[in-house]
Amino acid sequence: MSQTSMSRSRRSFSAEFKDELCREVIELSKPISEVAKVYGVGDDSLRRWLSKYRDTHGGSVDNELTLTERARLNQLEREVRELRSETAFLKKAASYFAREPR
């Protein structure tokens, strides 16, 4: 491939565009591959942008939860604990009834 044809295929993106994609990945918890595909950029490019974005913006934005988000997170964590407890109980019950002669 000649030098001129390689340079024509290389695209450049604005800093605002890169930041917007990074925020979509971080704030909406979307997979990198999904966001990259939607916007027509390479997964590796988006990963590099994300790494630079996190370095520039003080690491993970995930630590900056609002009061409402924090309350919702606590509620969901409590619900997960309850569901795990119920699942463990149901496994024991199923095991008990499976051993009992009919």
C-alpha atoms as a PDB file:
ATOM      1  CA  MET A   1       0.000   0.000   0.000  1.00  0.00           C
ATOM      2  CA  SER A   2       1.424   3.377  -0.920  1.00  0.00           C
ATOM      3  CA  GLN A   3       1.992   6.187   1.560  1.00  0.00           C
ATOM      4  CA  THR A   4      -0.758   8.364   0.042  1.00  0.00           C
ATOM      5  CA  SER A   5      -3.442   5.678   0.205  1.00  0.00           C
ATOM      6  CA  MET A   6      -2.610   4.995   3.863  1.00  0.00           C
ATOM      7  CA  SER A   7      -2.913   8.648   4.810  1.00  0.00           C
ATOM      8  CA  ARG A   8      -6.301   8.936   3.106  1.00  0.00           C
ATOM      9  CA  SER A   9      -7.782   6.100   5.224  1.00  0.00           C
ATOM     10  CA  ARG A  10      -6.665   7.659   8.524  1.00  0.00           C
ATOM     11  CA  ARG A  11      -9.351   9.771  10.152  1.00  0.00           C
ATOM     12  CA  SER A  12      -8.958  12.271  12.951  1.00  0.00           C
ATOM     13  CA  PHE A  13     -11.495  13.047  15.630  1.00  0.00           C
ATOM     14  CA  SER A  14     -11.966  16.138  17.752  1.00  0.00           C
ATOM     15  CA  ALA A  15     -11.223  16.100  21.461  1.00  0.00           C
ATOM     16  CA  GLU A  16     -14.918  16.829  22.121  1.00  0.00           C
ATOM     17  CA  PHE A  17     -15.960  13.761  20.107  1.00  0.00           C
ATOM     18  CA  LYS A  18     -13.481  11.551  21.964  1.00  0.00           C
ATOM     19  CA  ASP A  19     -14.622  12.891  25.345  1.00  0.00           C
ATOM     20  CA  GLU A  20     -18.265  12.339  24.419  1.00  0.00           C
ATOM     21  CA  LEU A  21     -17.617   8.679  23.585  1.00  0.00           C
ATOM     22  CA  CYS A  22     -15.614   8.213  26.788  1.00  0.00           C
ATOM     23  CA  ARG A  23     -18.430   9.708  28.877  1.00  0.00           C
ATOM     24  CA  GLU A  24     -20.921   7.389  27.166  1.00  0.00           C
ATOM     25  CA  VAL A  25     -18.820   4.352  28.109  1.00  0.00           C
ATOM     26  CA  ILE A  26     -18.249   5.511  31.690  1.00  0.00           C
ATOM     27  CA  GLU A  27     -21.520   7.183  32.682  1.00  0.00           C
ATOM     28  CA  LEU A  28     -23.890   4.817  30.864  1.00  0.00           C
ATOM     29  CA  SER A  29     -21.806   1.697  31.555  1.00  0.00           C
ATOM     30  CA  LYS A  30     -21.873   0.726  27.908  1.00  0.00           C
ATOM     31  CA  PRO A  31     -19.363  -1.782  26.509  1.00  0.00           C
ATOM     32  CA  ILE A  32     -16.452  -0.237  24.614  1.00  0.00           C
ATOM     33  CA  SER A  33     -17.098  -2.457  21.594  1.00  0.00           C
ATOM     34  CA  GLU A  34     -20.748  -1.356  21.383  1.00  0.00           C
ATOM     35  CA  VAL A  35     -19.954   2.370  21.518  1.00  0.00           C
ATOM     36  CA  ALA A  36     -17.073   1.962  19.052  1.00  0.00           C
ATOM     37  CA  LYS A  37     -19.305   0.122  16.578  1.00  0.00           C
ATOM     38  CA  VAL A  38     -22.126   2.678  16.808  1.00  0.00           C
ATOM     39  CA  TYR A  39     -19.769   5.588  16.093  1.00  0.00           C
ATOM     40  CA  GLY A  40     -17.587   3.754  13.574  1.00  0.00           C
ATOM     41  CA  VAL A  41     -14.305   3.872  15.473  1.00  0.00           C
ATOM     42  CA  GLY A  42     -11.903   1.099  16.412  1.00  0.00           C
ATOM     43  CA  ASP A  43     -12.178  -0.627  19.787  1.00  0.00           C
ATOM     44  CA  ASP A  44      -8.466  -0.078  20.432  1.00  0.00           C
ATOM     45  CA  SER A  45      -8.730   3.610  19.603  1.00  0.00           C
ATOM     46  CA  LEU A  46     -11.604   4.056  22.037  1.00  0.00           C
ATOM     47  CA  ARG A  47      -9.675   2.143  24.723  1.00  0.00           C
ATOM     48  CA  ARG A  48      -6.717   4.521  24.299  1.00  0.00           C
ATOM     49  CA  TRP A  49      -9.029   7.562  24.424  1.00  0.00           C
ATOM     50  CA  LEU A  50     -10.676   6.173  27.546  1.00  0.00           C
ATOM     51  CA  SER A  51      -7.338   5.661  29.265  1.00  0.00           C
ATOM     52  CA  LYS A  52      -6.286   9.248  28.476  1.00  0.00           C
ATOM     53  CA  TYR A  53      -9.721  10.557  29.523  1.00  0.00           C
ATOM     54  CA  ARG A  54      -9.486   8.835  32.905  1.00  0.00           C
ATOM     55  CA  ASP A  55      -5.944  10.150  33.427  1.00  0.00           C
ATOM     56  CA  THR A  56      -7.015  13.689  32.544  1.00  0.00           C
ATOM     57  CA  HIS A  57     -10.245  13.655  34.545  1.00  0.00           C
ATOM     58  CA  GLY A  58      -8.867  12.226  37.777  1.00  0.00           C
ATOM     59  CA  GLY A  59      -9.531   8.541  37.315  1.00  0.00           C
ATOM     60  CA  SER A  60     -12.924   6.947  37.379  1.00  0.00           C
ATOM     61  CA  VAL A  61     -16.044   9.089  37.257  1.00  0.00           C
ATOM     62  CA  ASP A  62     -17.878   6.165  38.903  1.00  0.00           C
ATOM     63  CA  ASN A  63     -16.764   7.321  42.377  1.00  0.00           C
ATOM     64  CA  GLU A  64     -18.777  10.513  42.026  1.00  0.00           C
ATOM     65  CA  LEU A  65     -22.232   9.092  42.797  1.00  0.00           C
ATOM     66  CA  THR A  66     -25.082  11.381  43.654  1.00  0.00           C
ATOM     67  CA  LEU A  67     -27.049  10.848  46.851  1.00  0.00           C
ATOM     68  CA  THR A  68     -29.887   9.261  44.852  1.00  0.00           C
ATOM     69  CA  GLU A  69     -27.508   6.949  43.001  1.00  0.00           C
ATOM     70  CA  ARG A  70     -25.816   5.938  46.244  1.00  0.00           C
ATOM     71  CA  ALA A  71     -29.197   5.121  47.838  1.00  0.00           C
ATOM     72  CA  ARG A  72     -30.195   3.099  44.772  1.00  0.00           C
ATOM     73  CA  LEU A  73     -26.885   1.235  44.857  1.00  0.00           C
ATOM     74  CA  ASN A  74     -27.393   0.355  48.527  1.00  0.00           C
ATOM     75  CA  GLN A  75     -30.926  -0.840  47.781  1.00  0.00           C
ATOM     76  CA  LEU A  76     -29.714  -3.041  44.914  1.00  0.00           C
ATOM     77  CA  GLU A  77     -26.870  -4.483  46.985  1.00  0.00           C
ATOM     78  CA  ARG A  78     -29.337  -5.360  49.768  1.00  0.00           C
ATOM     79  CA  GLU A  79     -31.634  -6.984  47.194  1.00  0.00           C
ATOM     80  CA  VAL A  80     -28.736  -9.046  45.814  1.00  0.00           C
ATOM     81  CA  ARG A  81     -27.878 -10.291  49.315  1.00  0.00           C
ATOM     82  CA  GLU A  82     -31.508 -11.306  49.904  1.00  0.00           C
ATOM     83  CA  LEU A  83     -31.749 -13.072  46.549  1.00  0.00           C
ATOM     84  CA  ARG A  84     -28.523 -14.964  47.177  1.00  0.00           C
ATOM     85  CA  SER A  85     -29.845 -16.047  50.559  1.00  0.00           C
ATOM     86  CA  GLU A  86     -33.125 -17.212  49.019  1.00  0.00           C
ATOM     87  CA  THR A  87     -31.269 -19.076  46.284  1.00  0.00           C
ATOM     88  CA  ALA A  88     -29.120 -20.895  48.843  1.00  0.00           C
ATOM     89  CA  PHE A  89     -32.257 -21.872  50.801  1.00  0.00           C
ATOM     90  CA  LEU A  90     -34.011 -23.138  47.668  1.00  0.00           C
ATOM     91  CA  LYS A  91     -30.963 -25.210  46.690  1.00  0.00           C
ATOM     92  CA  LYS A  92     -30.971 -26.847  50.123  1.00  0.00           C
ATOM     93  CA  ALA A  93     -34.714 -27.496  49.926  1.00  0.00           C
ATOM     94  CA  ALA A  94     -34.401 -28.971  46.430  1.00  0.00           C
ATOM     95  CA  SER A  95     -31.562 -31.190  47.612  1.00  0.00           C
ATOM     96  CA  TYR A  96     -33.617 -32.361  50.606  1.00  0.00           C
ATOM     97  CA  PHE A  97     -36.675 -33.246  48.508  1.00  0.00           C
ATOM     98  CA  ALA A  98     -34.542 -34.933  45.861  1.00  0.00           C
ATOM     99  CA  ARG A  99     -33.115 -37.340  48.481  1.00  0.00           C
ATOM    100  CA  GLU A 100     -36.439 -38.128  50.157  1.00  0.00           C
ATOM    101  CA  PRO A 101     -37.925 -41.462  48.966  1.00  0.00           C
ATOM    102  CA  ARG A 102     -41.266 -41.181  47.280  1.00  0.00           C
END
